[in-house]
Amino acid sequence: MTMKLGFFTANFTEKPLEDVTRLASEYGYEALEVPAYEGNGQLETADVLQPGEAARIKKMVASYGLSIGALSNHSDSFLIMGPTGVDTDFIYKGSPEDKIKHGTESLIRTAQAANALEVPVVVGYPGVENWGRFFFFPYGQGWEEYERQFADRFGPILDKFSEYGVKFAIEIHPNSFVYDTLTAERALELVDRHPSLGYNLDPANVLYLKLSAELMIDRLADRIYHVHAKDAELVEHNLPLGGTLMQGDMRRLDRSFRFRIPGWGDVRWKKIITELSMVGYDGLISYEHEDVTMSRMDGVRKTAAFLKPLIIDEPYEGRTDKLFSADA
């Protein structure tokens, strides 16, 4: 198996799932990542679990020559570790306990829906109440408390994912409990390297903190269950103003960091795809549009044209001539 060019249907949340499936097919995308958090407008997990509904959805997607490679629960899953205050009222209103319960139940139900749809991966966030606690001042014990919280809250969830035969891919992301290679490795330790836990690599998020996506791939290897095709630009002439953590609207002219479509930012896609191939990744590279400089349809066309030729069709078959030994 080889990697497939995927399409995150949440790029067009205002359109029904079939309309976006047709669009993705027309531009040569091969598989879908579909939102499954509540109220997304395209796929509700409660509906998928009704008799015959999963079969209907699979048949519809297959009729366009595509498959569903992942479900997304980015919104609801974010509530499991927070923030649980006003910050996330746009996702779900309620007390912190209500929000944690909603996020947990929604994520488990997404695993059920994935099982019904024969989808191998659910992508989401663990969240974190206060990302600033990564810094030791003013409360040096803060991050250790989050580590215990992660194990307590996600251990049972991962057991349910195993029960349904589905993997959970945490998107490594600033402002979340897992934000770099070391926290990703630590999260695995905290749940005893649970077989259902792995990661969604979004190279743009990695670039935001000036990390090496290639090194992240090599270190996490077979725990990479999904990849987002999203690029980012470090605007060099603006970096001295605010560094990579500059706040404010992404459309600001003086912004030092912008999300871009693949090929228009600083992500080294040939190297990313090479490393993914080297560690045996054969999942989706799923186009996600957050580029504030161009339209979504620009992204649809340009991303397919840029990435499809880069996907490696077959691994190296080795050499058999007498200059090379079998071990070489």
C-alpha atoms as a PDB file:
ATOM      1  CA  MET A   1       0.000   0.000   0.000  1.00  0.00           C
ATOM      2  CA  THR A   2       1.057   3.590  -0.598  1.00  0.00           C
ATOM      3  CA  MET A   3       0.026   6.954   0.777  1.00  0.00           C
ATOM      4  CA  LYS A   4      -3.166   8.505  -0.579  1.00  0.00           C
ATOM      5  CA  LEU A   5      -3.972  12.129  -1.236  1.00  0.00           C
ATOM      6  CA  GLY A   6      -6.818  12.899   1.150  1.00  0.00           C
ATOM      7  CA  PHE A   7      -9.355  15.689   1.393  1.00  0.00           C
ATOM      8  CA  PHE A   8     -10.678  17.074   4.685  1.00  0.00           C
ATOM      9  CA  THR A   9     -14.347  17.681   3.880  1.00  0.00           C
ATOM     10  CA  ALA A  10     -14.560  20.285   6.674  1.00  0.00           C
ATOM     11  CA  ASN A  11     -12.839  22.596   4.153  1.00  0.00           C
ATOM     12  CA  PHE A  12     -16.414  23.154   2.907  1.00  0.00           C
ATOM     13  CA  THR A  13     -18.592  22.801   5.985  1.00  0.00           C
ATOM     14  CA  GLU A  14     -21.462  24.650   4.328  1.00  0.00           C
ATOM     15  CA  LYS A  15     -21.861  21.883   1.710  1.00  0.00           C
ATOM     16  CA  PRO A  16     -23.439  18.436   2.230  1.00  0.00           C
ATOM     17  CA  LEU A  17     -21.033  15.526   2.413  1.00  0.00           C
ATOM     18  CA  GLU A  18     -21.973  14.183  -1.005  1.00  0.00           C
ATOM     19  CA  ASP A  19     -21.330  17.525  -2.691  1.00  0.00           C
ATOM     20  CA  VAL A  20     -17.842  17.713  -1.156  1.00  0.00           C
ATOM     21  CA  THR A  21     -17.176  14.068  -2.021  1.00  0.00           C
ATOM     22  CA  ARG A  22     -18.018  14.829  -5.654  1.00  0.00           C
ATOM     23  CA  LEU A  23     -15.747  17.892  -5.608  1.00  0.00           C
ATOM     24  CA  ALA A  24     -12.813  15.958  -4.146  1.00  0.00           C
ATOM     25  CA  SER A  25     -13.238  13.216  -6.723  1.00  0.00           C
ATOM     26  CA  GLU A  26     -13.275  15.688  -9.614  1.00  0.00           C
ATOM     27  CA  TYR A  27      -9.851  17.029  -8.641  1.00  0.00           C
ATOM     28  CA  GLY A  28      -8.175  13.658  -8.166  1.00  0.00           C
ATOM     29  CA  TYR A  29      -8.265  13.251  -4.386  1.00  0.00           C
ATOM     30  CA  GLU A  30      -8.400   9.621  -3.346  1.00  0.00           C
ATOM     31  CA  ALA A  31      -9.884   9.482   0.148  1.00  0.00           C
ATOM     32  CA  LEU A  32     -11.700  11.606   2.698  1.00  0.00           C
ATOM     33  CA  GLU A  33     -11.257  12.837   6.242  1.00  0.00           C
ATOM     34  CA  VAL A  34     -14.774  13.622   7.488  1.00  0.00           C
ATOM     35  CA  PRO A  35     -15.781  15.725  10.520  1.00  0.00           C
ATOM     36  CA  ALA A  36     -17.667  13.805  13.201  1.00  0.00           C
ATOM     37  CA  TYR A  37     -17.894  16.275  16.086  1.00  0.00           C
ATOM     38  CA  GLU A  38     -21.449  17.293  16.941  1.00  0.00           C
ATOM     39  CA  GLY A  39     -23.151  19.881  14.765  1.00  0.00           C
ATOM     40  CA  ASN A  40     -20.617  19.806  11.938  1.00  0.00           C
ATOM     41  CA  GLY A  41     -23.307  19.693   9.255  1.00  0.00           C
ATOM     42  CA  GLN A  42     -21.910  16.781   7.261  1.00  0.00           C
ATOM     43  CA  LEU A  43     -21.895  13.656   9.403  1.00  0.00           C
ATOM     44  CA  GLU A  44     -23.506  13.129  12.806  1.00  0.00           C
ATOM     45  CA  THR A  45     -22.276  10.094  14.713  1.00  0.00           C
ATOM     46  CA  ALA A  46     -25.710   9.442  16.217  1.00  0.00           C
ATOM     47  CA  ASP A  47     -27.098   9.169  12.671  1.00  0.00           C
ATOM     48  CA  VAL A  48     -24.282   6.898  11.491  1.00  0.00           C
ATOM     49  CA  LEU A  49     -25.170   4.423  14.239  1.00  0.00           C
ATOM     50  CA  GLN A  50     -28.749   4.085  13.004  1.00  0.00           C
ATOM     51  CA  PRO A  51     -29.520   0.829  11.099  1.00  0.00           C
ATOM     52  CA  GLY A  52     -28.326   0.929   7.499  1.00  0.00           C
ATOM     53  CA  GLU A  53     -26.879   4.457   7.654  1.00  0.00           C
ATOM     54  CA  ALA A  54     -23.191   3.499   7.702  1.00  0.00           C
ATOM     55  CA  ALA A  55     -23.692   1.227   4.692  1.00  0.00           C
ATOM     56  CA  ARG A  56     -25.471   4.039   2.824  1.00  0.00           C
ATOM     57  CA  ILE A  57     -22.621   6.496   3.480  1.00  0.00           C
ATOM     58  CA  LYS A  58     -19.937   4.010   2.427  1.00  0.00           C
ATOM     59  CA  LYS A  59     -21.830   3.222  -0.762  1.00  0.00           C
ATOM     60  CA  MET A  60     -22.232   6.921  -1.589  1.00  0.00           C
ATOM     61  CA  VAL A  61     -18.528   7.668  -1.069  1.00  0.00           C
ATOM     62  CA  ALA A  62     -17.481   4.568  -3.033  1.00  0.00           C
ATOM     63  CA  SER A  63     -19.710   5.624  -5.938  1.00  0.00           C
ATOM     64  CA  TYR A  64     -17.287   8.526  -6.497  1.00  0.00           C
ATOM     65  CA  GLY A  65     -14.254   6.237  -6.375  1.00  0.00           C
ATOM     66  CA  LEU A  66     -13.235   7.358  -2.881  1.00  0.00           C
ATOM     67  CA  SER A  67     -13.102   5.917   0.630  1.00  0.00           C
ATOM     68  CA  ILE A  68     -13.155   7.441   4.111  1.00  0.00           C
ATOM     69  CA  GLY A  69      -9.713   7.214   5.682  1.00  0.00           C
ATOM     70  CA  ALA A  70     -10.338   9.139   8.912  1.00  0.00           C
ATOM     71  CA  LEU A  71     -13.000  10.810  11.025  1.00  0.00           C
ATOM     72  CA  SER A  72     -12.268  14.122  12.738  1.00  0.00           C
ATOM     73  CA  ASN A  73     -13.375  15.002  16.263  1.00  0.00           C
ATOM     74  CA  HIS A  74     -11.194  18.049  16.722  1.00  0.00           C
ATOM     75  CA  SER A  75     -13.841  20.186  18.438  1.00  0.00           C
ATOM     76  CA  ASP A  76     -15.509  17.989  21.061  1.00  0.00           C
ATOM     77  CA  SER A  77     -12.365  16.080  22.032  1.00  0.00           C
ATOM     78  CA  PHE A  78     -10.712  19.403  22.897  1.00  0.00           C
ATOM     79  CA  LEU A  79     -13.064  19.664  25.880  1.00  0.00           C
ATOM     80  CA  ILE A  80     -11.683  16.563  27.597  1.00  0.00           C
ATOM     81  CA  MET A  81      -8.734  18.464  29.070  1.00  0.00           C
ATOM     82  CA  GLY A  82     -10.006  21.951  28.333  1.00  0.00           C
ATOM     83  CA  PRO A  83     -10.178  24.831  28.363  1.00  0.00           C
ATOM     84  CA  THR A  84     -13.527  24.264  30.063  1.00  0.00           C
ATOM     85  CA  GLY A  85     -14.503  27.910  30.605  1.00  0.00           C
ATOM     86  CA  VAL A  86     -15.851  30.600  28.307  1.00  0.00           C
ATOM     87  CA  ASP A  87     -13.091  29.828  25.771  1.00  0.00           C
ATOM     88  CA  THR A  88     -14.969  26.729  24.576  1.00  0.00           C
ATOM     89  CA  ASP A  89     -18.589  27.838  24.934  1.00  0.00           C
ATOM     90  CA  PHE A  90     -18.700  27.940  21.115  1.00  0.00           C
ATOM     91  CA  ILE A  91     -18.196  24.167  21.169  1.00  0.00           C
ATOM     92  CA  TYR A  92     -20.517  23.296  24.059  1.00  0.00           C
ATOM     93  CA  LYS A  93     -22.025  25.401  26.838  1.00  0.00           C
ATOM     94  CA  GLY A  94     -22.063  24.048  30.348  1.00  0.00           C
ATOM     95  CA  SER A  95     -20.057  23.552  33.506  1.00  0.00           C
ATOM     96  CA  PRO A  96     -16.503  22.178  33.281  1.00  0.00           C
ATOM     97  CA  GLU A  97     -17.873  18.772  34.293  1.00  0.00           C
ATOM     98  CA  ASP A  98     -20.546  18.966  31.584  1.00  0.00           C
ATOM     99  CA  LYS A  99     -17.959  19.856  28.966  1.00  0.00           C
ATOM    100  CA  ILE A 100     -15.597  17.028  29.923  1.00  0.00           C
ATOM    101  CA  LYS A 101     -18.505  14.568  29.845  1.00  0.00           C
ATOM    102  CA  HIS A 102     -19.679  15.835  26.460  1.00  0.00           C
ATOM    103  CA  GLY A 103     -16.186  15.631  24.946  1.00  0.00           C
ATOM    104  CA  THR A 104     -15.592  12.140  26.305  1.00  0.00           C
ATOM    105  CA  GLU A 105     -18.932  10.749  25.136  1.00  0.00           C
ATOM    106  CA  SER A 106     -18.610  12.386  21.721  1.00  0.00           C
ATOM    107  CA  LEU A 107     -15.121  10.988  21.160  1.00  0.00           C
ATOM    108  CA  ILE A 108     -16.140   7.452  22.158  1.00  0.00           C
ATOM    109  CA  ARG A 109     -19.214   7.668  19.931  1.00  0.00           C
ATOM    110  CA  THR A 110     -16.944   8.747  17.071  1.00  0.00           C
ATOM    111  CA  ALA A 111     -14.941   5.556  17.586  1.00  0.00           C
ATOM    112  CA  GLN A 112     -18.204   3.619  17.352  1.00  0.00           C
ATOM    113  CA  ALA A 113     -19.103   5.428  14.140  1.00  0.00           C
ATOM    114  CA  ALA A 114     -15.642   4.760  12.724  1.00  0.00           C
ATOM    115  CA  ASN A 115     -16.096   1.076  13.479  1.00  0.00           C
ATOM    116  CA  ALA A 116     -19.462   1.070  11.686  1.00  0.00           C
ATOM    117  CA  LEU A 117     -17.963   2.856   8.673  1.00  0.00           C
ATOM    118  CA  GLU A 118     -14.825   0.649   8.686  1.00  0.00           C
ATOM    119  CA  VAL A 119     -12.665   3.749   9.152  1.00  0.00           C
ATOM    120  CA  PRO A 120      -9.362   2.994  10.921  1.00  0.00           C
ATOM    121  CA  VAL A 121      -8.533   6.364  12.523  1.00  0.00           C
ATOM    122  CA  VAL A 122     -10.172   9.155  14.482  1.00  0.00           C
ATOM    123  CA  VAL A 123      -8.255  12.447  14.673  1.00  0.00           C
ATOM    124  CA  GLY A 124      -8.645  14.875  17.571  1.00  0.00           C
ATOM    125  CA  TYR A 125      -7.092  16.941  20.339  1.00  0.00           C
ATOM    126  CA  PRO A 126      -6.639  16.196  24.020  1.00  0.00           C
ATOM    127  CA  GLY A 127      -6.863  19.907  24.839  1.00  0.00           C
ATOM    128  CA  VAL A 128      -5.227  21.505  27.882  1.00  0.00           C
ATOM    129  CA  GLU A 129      -6.699  23.946  30.405  1.00  0.00           C
ATOM    130  CA  ASN A 130      -3.738  26.342  30.402  1.00  0.00           C
ATOM    131  CA  TRP A 131      -1.008  25.724  27.856  1.00  0.00           C
ATOM    132  CA  GLY A 132       1.126  28.363  29.576  1.00  0.00           C
ATOM    133  CA  ARG A 133       1.853  25.808  32.279  1.00  0.00           C
ATOM    134  CA  PHE A 134       4.492  24.292  30.015  1.00  0.00           C
ATOM    135  CA  PHE A 135       6.590  27.072  31.561  1.00  0.00           C
ATOM    136  CA  PHE A 136       7.765  26.459  35.123  1.00  0.00           C
ATOM    137  CA  PHE A 137       6.772  29.929  36.380  1.00  0.00           C
ATOM    138  CA  PRO A 138       4.638  30.629  38.360  1.00  0.00           C
ATOM    139  CA  TYR A 139       3.453  27.079  39.126  1.00  0.00           C
ATOM    140  CA  GLY A 140       6.131  24.479  38.615  1.00  0.00           C
ATOM    141  CA  GLN A 141       3.869  21.524  39.405  1.00  0.00           C
ATOM    142  CA  GLY A 142       1.257  22.491  36.816  1.00  0.00           C
ATOM    143  CA  TRP A 143       2.403  20.319  33.934  1.00  0.00           C
ATOM    144  CA  GLU A 144       2.780  17.236  36.134  1.00  0.00           C
ATOM    145  CA  GLU A 145      -0.859  17.661  37.139  1.00  0.00           C
ATOM    146  CA  TYR A 146      -1.830  17.671  33.456  1.00  0.00           C
ATOM    147  CA  GLU A 147       0.144  14.468  32.930  1.00  0.00           C
ATOM    148  CA  ARG A 148      -1.917  12.696  35.600  1.00  0.00           C
ATOM    149  CA  GLN A 149      -5.074  14.181  34.128  1.00  0.00           C
ATOM    150  CA  PHE A 150      -4.205  12.902  30.656  1.00  0.00           C
ATOM    151  CA  ALA A 151      -3.638   9.347  31.921  1.00  0.00           C
ATOM    152  CA  ASP A 152      -6.816   9.365  34.010  1.00  0.00           C
ATOM    153  CA  ARG A 153      -9.090  10.759  31.328  1.00  0.00           C
ATOM    154  CA  PHE A 154      -7.685   9.157  28.190  1.00  0.00           C
ATOM    155  CA  GLY A 155      -6.791   5.695  29.506  1.00  0.00           C
ATOM    156  CA  PRO A 156     -10.456   4.560  29.597  1.00  0.00           C
ATOM    157  CA  ILE A 157     -11.181   6.273  26.264  1.00  0.00           C
ATOM    158  CA  LEU A 158      -8.323   4.425  24.592  1.00  0.00           C
ATOM    159  CA  ASP A 159      -9.661   1.146  25.985  1.00  0.00           C
ATOM    160  CA  LYS A 160     -12.971   1.875  24.233  1.00  0.00           C
ATOM    161  CA  PHE A 161     -11.093   2.641  21.006  1.00  0.00           C
ATOM    162  CA  SER A 162      -9.409  -0.773  21.272  1.00  0.00           C
ATOM    163  CA  GLU A 163     -12.804  -2.373  21.816  1.00  0.00           C
ATOM    164  CA  TYR A 164     -14.022  -0.820  18.552  1.00  0.00           C
ATOM    165  CA  GLY A 165     -10.806  -1.598  16.664  1.00  0.00           C
ATOM    166  CA  VAL A 166     -10.051   2.066  15.935  1.00  0.00           C
ATOM    167  CA  LYS A 167      -6.918   4.194  16.447  1.00  0.00           C
ATOM    168  CA  PHE A 168      -6.938   7.652  18.046  1.00  0.00           C
ATOM    169  CA  ALA A 169      -4.555  10.112  16.369  1.00  0.00           C
ATOM    170  CA  ILE A 170      -3.831  13.167  18.502  1.00  0.00           C
ATOM    171  CA  GLU A 171      -3.028  16.187  16.377  1.00  0.00           C
ATOM    172  CA  ILE A 172       0.257  17.601  17.670  1.00  0.00           C
ATOM    173  CA  HIS A 173      -0.604  21.233  18.140  1.00  0.00           C
ATOM    174  CA  PRO A 174       0.425  24.366  20.054  1.00  0.00           C
ATOM    175  CA  ASN A 175      -2.069  25.110  22.850  1.00  0.00           C
ATOM    176  CA  SER A 176      -2.603  21.425  23.553  1.00  0.00           C
ATOM    177  CA  PHE A 177      -1.190  18.848  25.941  1.00  0.00           C
ATOM    178  CA  VAL A 178       0.785  17.271  23.094  1.00  0.00           C
ATOM    179  CA  TYR A 179       2.626  20.052  21.283  1.00  0.00           C
ATOM    180  CA  ASP A 180       6.057  18.663  20.297  1.00  0.00           C
ATOM    181  CA  THR A 181       7.982  15.417  19.847  1.00  0.00           C
ATOM    182  CA  LEU A 182       8.892  15.075  23.512  1.00  0.00           C
ATOM    183  CA  THR A 183       5.337  15.569  24.808  1.00  0.00           C
ATOM    184  CA  ALA A 184       4.136  13.064  22.192  1.00  0.00           C
ATOM    185  CA  GLU A 185       6.609  10.482  23.461  1.00  0.00           C
ATOM    186  CA  ARG A 186       5.692  11.303  27.059  1.00  0.00           C
ATOM    187  CA  ALA A 187       1.966  10.866  26.367  1.00  0.00           C
ATOM    188  CA  LEU A 188       2.650   7.333  25.146  1.00  0.00           C
ATOM    189  CA  GLU A 189       4.532   6.585  28.361  1.00  0.00           C
ATOM    190  CA  LEU A 190       1.672   7.928  30.476  1.00  0.00           C
ATOM    191  CA  VAL A 191      -0.778   5.366  29.045  1.00  0.00           C
ATOM    192  CA  ASP A 192       1.738   2.480  28.960  1.00  0.00           C
ATOM    193  CA  ARG A 193       2.165   2.815  25.198  1.00  0.00           C
ATOM    194  CA  HIS A 194      -1.479   1.978  24.617  1.00  0.00           C
ATOM    195  CA  PRO A 195      -1.823   0.400  21.144  1.00  0.00           C
ATOM    196  CA  SER A 196      -4.706   2.686  20.192  1.00  0.00           C
ATOM    197  CA  LEU A 197      -2.794   5.932  20.746  1.00  0.00           C
ATOM    198  CA  GLY A 198      -0.901   7.604  17.947  1.00  0.00           C
ATOM    199  CA  TYR A 199      -0.580  10.937  16.188  1.00  0.00           C
ATOM    200  CA  ASN A 200      -1.748  13.168  13.405  1.00  0.00           C
ATOM    201  CA  LEU A 201       1.199  15.058  11.947  1.00  0.00           C
ATOM    202  CA  ASP A 202       0.356  18.534  10.707  1.00  0.00           C
ATOM    203  CA  PRO A 203       3.673  19.962   9.459  1.00  0.00           C
ATOM    204  CA  ALA A 204       2.326  23.520   9.688  1.00  0.00           C
ATOM    205  CA  ASN A 205       1.683  23.176  13.431  1.00  0.00           C
ATOM    206  CA  VAL A 206       5.171  21.741  13.854  1.00  0.00           C
ATOM    207  CA  LEU A 207       6.726  24.642  11.971  1.00  0.00           C
ATOM    208  CA  TYR A 208       4.943  27.123  14.245  1.00  0.00           C
ATOM    209  CA  LEU A 209       7.262  26.162  17.108  1.00  0.00           C
ATOM    210  CA  LYS A 210      10.252  25.761  14.756  1.00  0.00           C
ATOM    211  CA  LEU A 211      10.417  21.999  15.316  1.00  0.00           C
ATOM    212  CA  SER A 212      11.690  19.400  12.847  1.00  0.00           C
ATOM    213  CA  ALA A 213       8.819  17.489  11.268  1.00  0.00           C
ATOM    214  CA  GLU A 214      11.310  15.050   9.748  1.00  0.00           C
ATOM    215  CA  LEU A 215      12.772  14.226  13.158  1.00  0.00           C
ATOM    216  CA  MET A 216       9.273  13.917  14.584  1.00  0.00           C
ATOM    217  CA  ILE A 217       8.410  11.350  11.916  1.00  0.00           C
ATOM    218  CA  ASP A 218      11.547   9.324  12.605  1.00  0.00           C
ATOM    219  CA  ARG A 219      10.988   9.373  16.382  1.00  0.00           C
ATOM    220  CA  LEU A 220       7.254   8.573  16.337  1.00  0.00           C
ATOM    221  CA  ALA A 221       7.452   6.256  13.301  1.00  0.00           C
ATOM    222  CA  ASP A 222       4.621   3.696  13.381  1.00  0.00           C
ATOM    223  CA  ARG A 223       2.638   5.851  15.822  1.00  0.00           C
ATOM    224  CA  ILE A 224       1.861   8.309  13.030  1.00  0.00           C
ATOM    225  CA  TYR A 225      -1.651   7.323  12.023  1.00  0.00           C
ATOM    226  CA  HIS A 226      -2.654  10.348   9.928  1.00  0.00           C
ATOM    227  CA  VAL A 227      -1.098  13.385   8.213  1.00  0.00           C
ATOM    228  CA  HIS A 228      -2.538  16.779   7.349  1.00  0.00           C
ATOM    229  CA  ALA A 229      -1.492  18.451   4.117  1.00  0.00           C
ATOM    230  CA  LYS A 230      -1.164  21.976   5.436  1.00  0.00           C
ATOM    231  CA  ASP A 231       1.760  24.320   4.988  1.00  0.00           C
ATOM    232  CA  ALA A 232       2.943  27.393   6.864  1.00  0.00           C
ATOM    233  CA  GLU A 233       5.100  30.413   6.217  1.00  0.00           C
ATOM    234  CA  LEU A 234       7.531  31.998   8.637  1.00  0.00           C
ATOM    235  CA  VAL A 235       7.479  35.578   7.377  1.00  0.00           C
ATOM    236  CA  GLU A 236      11.153  36.339   7.899  1.00  0.00           C
ATOM    237  CA  HIS A 237      10.946  40.115   7.694  1.00  0.00           C
ATOM    238  CA  ASN A 238       8.290  40.081  10.464  1.00  0.00           C
ATOM    239  CA  LEU A 239       9.913  37.575  12.821  1.00  0.00           C
ATOM    240  CA  PRO A 240      11.900  40.243  14.717  1.00  0.00           C
ATOM    241  CA  LEU A 241       8.594  41.915  15.626  1.00  0.00           C
ATOM    242  CA  GLY A 242       7.038  39.074  17.560  1.00  0.00           C
ATOM    243  CA  GLY A 243       8.692  35.733  16.878  1.00  0.00           C
ATOM    244  CA  THR A 244       6.567  32.682  16.112  1.00  0.00           C
ATOM    245  CA  LEU A 245       4.229  33.233  19.086  1.00  0.00           C
ATOM    246  CA  MET A 246       2.937  36.548  17.763  1.00  0.00           C
ATOM    247  CA  GLN A 247      -0.774  37.014  18.490  1.00  0.00           C
ATOM    248  CA  GLY A 248      -3.447  38.581  16.293  1.00  0.00           C
ATOM    249  CA  ASP A 249      -5.401  38.005  13.103  1.00  0.00           C
ATOM    250  CA  MET A 250      -3.633  35.782  10.558  1.00  0.00           C
ATOM    251  CA  ARG A 251      -4.491  38.381   7.915  1.00  0.00           C
ATOM    252  CA  ARG A 252      -2.361  41.081   9.566  1.00  0.00           C
ATOM    253  CA  LEU A 253       0.303  42.304   7.173  1.00  0.00           C
ATOM    254  CA  ASP A 254       2.875  42.347   9.978  1.00  0.00           C
ATOM    255  CA  ARG A 255       2.071  38.808  11.081  1.00  0.00           C
ATOM    256  CA  SER A 256       5.200  36.639  11.437  1.00  0.00           C
ATOM    257  CA  PHE A 257       3.428  33.298  10.853  1.00  0.00           C
ATOM    258  CA  ARG A 258       0.749  32.326   8.330  1.00  0.00           C
ATOM    259  CA  PHE A 259      -0.853  29.027   7.390  1.00  0.00           C
ATOM    260  CA  ARG A 260      -0.516  28.281   3.656  1.00  0.00           C
ATOM    261  CA  ILE A 261      -1.492  25.576   1.203  1.00  0.00           C
ATOM    262  CA  PRO A 262       1.139  22.912   0.415  1.00  0.00           C
ATOM    263  CA  GLY A 263       3.943  24.265  -1.737  1.00  0.00           C
ATOM    264  CA  TRP A 264       3.385  27.899  -0.771  1.00  0.00           C
ATOM    265  CA  GLY A 265       5.069  27.811   2.644  1.00  0.00           C
ATOM    266  CA  ASP A 266       8.275  26.617   4.248  1.00  0.00           C
ATOM    267  CA  VAL A 267       7.415  22.928   4.792  1.00  0.00           C
ATOM    268  CA  ARG A 268       9.829  20.666   2.898  1.00  0.00           C
ATOM    269  CA  TRP A 269       7.297  18.288   1.399  1.00  0.00           C
ATOM    270  CA  LYS A 270       9.731  16.031  -0.468  1.00  0.00           C
ATOM    271  CA  LYS A 271      11.587  15.405   2.782  1.00  0.00           C
ATOM    272  CA  ILE A 272       8.349  14.896   4.734  1.00  0.00           C
ATOM    273  CA  ILE A 273       7.038  12.348   2.231  1.00  0.00           C
ATOM    274  CA  THR A 274      10.432  10.626   2.104  1.00  0.00           C
ATOM    275  CA  GLU A 275      10.557  10.191   5.882  1.00  0.00           C
ATOM    276  CA  LEU A 276       6.941   8.999   5.990  1.00  0.00           C
ATOM    277  CA  SER A 277       7.776   6.423   3.350  1.00  0.00           C
ATOM    278  CA  MET A 278      10.891   5.340   5.240  1.00  0.00           C
ATOM    279  CA  VAL A 279       8.896   4.578   8.409  1.00  0.00           C
ATOM    280  CA  GLY A 280       6.241   2.682   6.444  1.00  0.00           C
ATOM    281  CA  TYR A 281       3.396   5.194   6.591  1.00  0.00           C
ATOM    282  CA  ASP A 282       0.622   4.287   4.140  1.00  0.00           C
ATOM    283  CA  GLY A 283      -2.286   6.460   5.301  1.00  0.00           C
ATOM    284  CA  LEU A 284      -3.732   9.734   4.074  1.00  0.00           C
ATOM    285  CA  ILE A 285      -2.046  13.052   3.421  1.00  0.00           C
ATOM    286  CA  SER A 286      -5.211  15.036   3.970  1.00  0.00           C
ATOM    287  CA  TYR A 287      -5.532  18.541   2.510  1.00  0.00           C
ATOM    288  CA  GLU A 288      -6.760  21.033   5.115  1.00  0.00           C
ATOM    289  CA  HIS A 289      -7.310  24.642   4.070  1.00  0.00           C
ATOM    290  CA  GLU A 290      -6.465  27.460   6.497  1.00  0.00           C
ATOM    291  CA  ASP A 291      -4.581  29.705   4.056  1.00  0.00           C
ATOM    292  CA  VAL A 292      -5.749  33.306   4.532  1.00  0.00           C
ATOM    293  CA  THR A 293      -4.142  34.484   1.289  1.00  0.00           C
ATOM    294  CA  MET A 294      -6.182  32.510  -1.243  1.00  0.00           C
ATOM    295  CA  SER A 295      -9.564  30.880  -1.776  1.00  0.00           C
ATOM    296  CA  ARG A 296     -10.406  27.312  -0.885  1.00  0.00           C
ATOM    297  CA  MET A 297     -10.893  26.423  -4.552  1.00  0.00           C
ATOM    298  CA  ASP A 298      -7.437  27.809  -5.320  1.00  0.00           C
ATOM    299  CA  GLY A 299      -6.213  25.412  -2.647  1.00  0.00           C
ATOM    300  CA  VAL A 300      -8.181  22.476  -4.031  1.00  0.00           C
ATOM    301  CA  ARG A 301      -6.606  22.858  -7.454  1.00  0.00           C
ATOM    302  CA  LYS A 302      -3.098  23.827  -6.442  1.00  0.00           C
ATOM    303  CA  THR A 303      -2.718  21.259  -3.642  1.00  0.00           C
ATOM    304  CA  ALA A 304      -3.672  18.328  -5.869  1.00  0.00           C
ATOM    305  CA  ALA A 305      -1.363  19.523  -8.639  1.00  0.00           C
ATOM    306  CA  PHE A 306       1.532  20.019  -6.216  1.00  0.00           C
ATOM    307  CA  LEU A 307       1.292  16.961  -3.959  1.00  0.00           C
ATOM    308  CA  LYS A 308       0.134  14.157  -6.243  1.00  0.00           C
ATOM    309  CA  PRO A 309       3.419  13.956  -8.183  1.00  0.00           C
ATOM    310  CA  LEU A 310       5.365  13.826  -4.905  1.00  0.00           C
ATOM    311  CA  ILE A 311       3.647  10.769  -3.453  1.00  0.00           C
ATOM    312  CA  ILE A 312       5.942   7.754  -3.778  1.00  0.00           C
ATOM    313  CA  ASP A 313       4.180   4.985  -5.683  1.00  0.00           C
ATOM    314  CA  GLU A 314       6.415   2.072  -4.706  1.00  0.00           C
ATOM    315  CA  PRO A 315       9.336   1.583  -2.298  1.00  0.00           C
ATOM    316  CA  TYR A 316      12.876   0.969  -3.488  1.00  0.00           C
ATOM    317  CA  GLU A 317      13.205  -2.607  -4.756  1.00  0.00           C
ATOM    318  CA  GLY A 318      16.928  -2.914  -4.018  1.00  0.00           C
ATOM    319  CA  ARG A 319      19.815  -3.870  -6.273  1.00  0.00           C
ATOM    320  CA  THR A 320      20.796  -7.363  -7.321  1.00  0.00           C
ATOM    321  CA  ASP A 321      23.929  -6.790  -9.390  1.00  0.00           C
ATOM    322  CA  LYS A 322      27.268  -8.175  -8.204  1.00  0.00           C
ATOM    323  CA  LEU A 323      28.524  -4.787  -6.988  1.00  0.00           C
ATOM    324  CA  PHE A 324      26.176  -4.990  -3.997  1.00  0.00           C
ATOM    325  CA  SER A 325      25.828  -7.740  -1.417  1.00  0.00           C
ATOM    326  CA  ALA A 326      22.404  -8.928  -0.311  1.00  0.00           C
ATOM    327  CA  ASP A 327      22.818  -7.056   2.985  1.00  0.00           C
ATOM    328  CA  ALA A 328      23.417  -3.765   1.172  1.00  0.00           C
END
